[in-house]
Amino acid sequence: MGKFKPAKAKKKAKPRSALSAIPCLILLVSGMALLSLLFYSILQSG
């Protein structure tokens, strides 16, 4: 008969640090700023 081994707990993966969110936030903020500048320039020309 085969030997049964106790199940071992898997090591938990480290949670992603906040550093990975910085480029995404920069992209979102710059996109919002560009859109607001575009709308502002459209309103000023009208």
C-alpha atoms as a PDB file:
ATOM      1  CA  MET A   1       0.000   0.000   0.000  1.00  0.00           C
ATOM      2  CA  GLY A   2       1.072   3.562  -0.634  1.00  0.00           C
ATOM      3  CA  LYS A   3       2.111   5.885   2.114  1.00  0.00           C
ATOM      4  CA  PHE A   4      -0.103   8.840   2.848  1.00  0.00           C
ATOM      5  CA  LYS A   5       1.612  12.158   3.420  1.00  0.00           C
ATOM      6  CA  PRO A   6      -0.038  14.996   5.344  1.00  0.00           C
ATOM      7  CA  ALA A   7      -1.073  17.928   3.199  1.00  0.00           C
ATOM      8  CA  LYS A   8       1.264  20.880   3.506  1.00  0.00           C
ATOM      9  CA  ALA A   9      -0.058  24.410   3.562  1.00  0.00           C
ATOM     10  CA  LYS A  10       0.922  26.417   0.505  1.00  0.00           C
ATOM     11  CA  LYS A  11       2.955  29.531   1.090  1.00  0.00           C
ATOM     12  CA  LYS A  12       0.905  32.655   0.607  1.00  0.00           C
ATOM     13  CA  ALA A  13       2.029  35.001  -2.137  1.00  0.00           C
ATOM     14  CA  LYS A  14       3.156  38.412  -0.990  1.00  0.00           C
ATOM     15  CA  PRO A  15       0.579  41.124  -1.627  1.00  0.00           C
ATOM     16  CA  ARG A  16       1.574  43.610  -4.285  1.00  0.00           C
ATOM     17  CA  SER A  17       3.060  46.748  -2.877  1.00  0.00           C
ATOM     18  CA  ALA A  18       1.652  50.206  -3.426  1.00  0.00           C
ATOM     19  CA  LEU A  19       4.580  50.952  -5.738  1.00  0.00           C
ATOM     20  CA  SER A  20       2.922  49.042  -8.564  1.00  0.00           C
ATOM     21  CA  ALA A  21      -0.111  51.363  -8.408  1.00  0.00           C
ATOM     22  CA  ILE A  22       1.883  54.584  -8.882  1.00  0.00           C
ATOM     23  CA  PRO A  23       2.244  54.428 -12.710  1.00  0.00           C
ATOM     24  CA  CYS A  24      -1.444  53.641 -13.087  1.00  0.00           C
ATOM     25  CA  LEU A  25      -2.411  56.577 -10.886  1.00  0.00           C
ATOM     26  CA  ILE A  26      -0.097  58.916 -12.808  1.00  0.00           C
ATOM     27  CA  LEU A  27      -1.679  57.796 -16.073  1.00  0.00           C
ATOM     28  CA  LEU A  28      -5.211  58.340 -14.763  1.00  0.00           C
ATOM     29  CA  VAL A  29      -4.457  61.754 -13.288  1.00  0.00           C
ATOM     30  CA  SER A  30      -2.690  62.969 -16.432  1.00  0.00           C
ATOM     31  CA  GLY A  31      -5.589  61.744 -18.591  1.00  0.00           C
ATOM     32  CA  MET A  32      -8.104  63.576 -16.437  1.00  0.00           C
ATOM     33  CA  ALA A  33      -5.988  66.738 -16.555  1.00  0.00           C
ATOM     34  CA  LEU A  34      -5.739  66.566 -20.350  1.00  0.00           C
ATOM     35  CA  LEU A  35      -9.484  66.115 -20.691  1.00  0.00           C
ATOM     36  CA  SER A  36     -10.235  69.003 -18.372  1.00  0.00           C
ATOM     37  CA  LEU A  37      -7.797  71.253 -20.276  1.00  0.00           C
ATOM     38  CA  LEU A  38      -9.448  70.238 -23.539  1.00  0.00           C
ATOM     39  CA  PHE A  39     -12.915  71.087 -22.238  1.00  0.00           C
ATOM     40  CA  TYR A  40     -11.635  74.360 -20.773  1.00  0.00           C
ATOM     41  CA  SER A  41     -10.101  75.396 -24.093  1.00  0.00           C
ATOM     42  CA  ILE A  42     -13.337  74.526 -25.918  1.00  0.00           C
ATOM     43  CA  LEU A  43     -15.340  76.655 -23.487  1.00  0.00           C
ATOM     44  CA  GLN A  44     -12.931  79.583 -23.783  1.00  0.00           C
ATOM     45  CA  SER A  45     -13.035  79.596 -27.590  1.00  0.00           C
ATOM     46  CA  GLY A  46     -16.847  79.658 -27.634  1.00  0.00           C
END
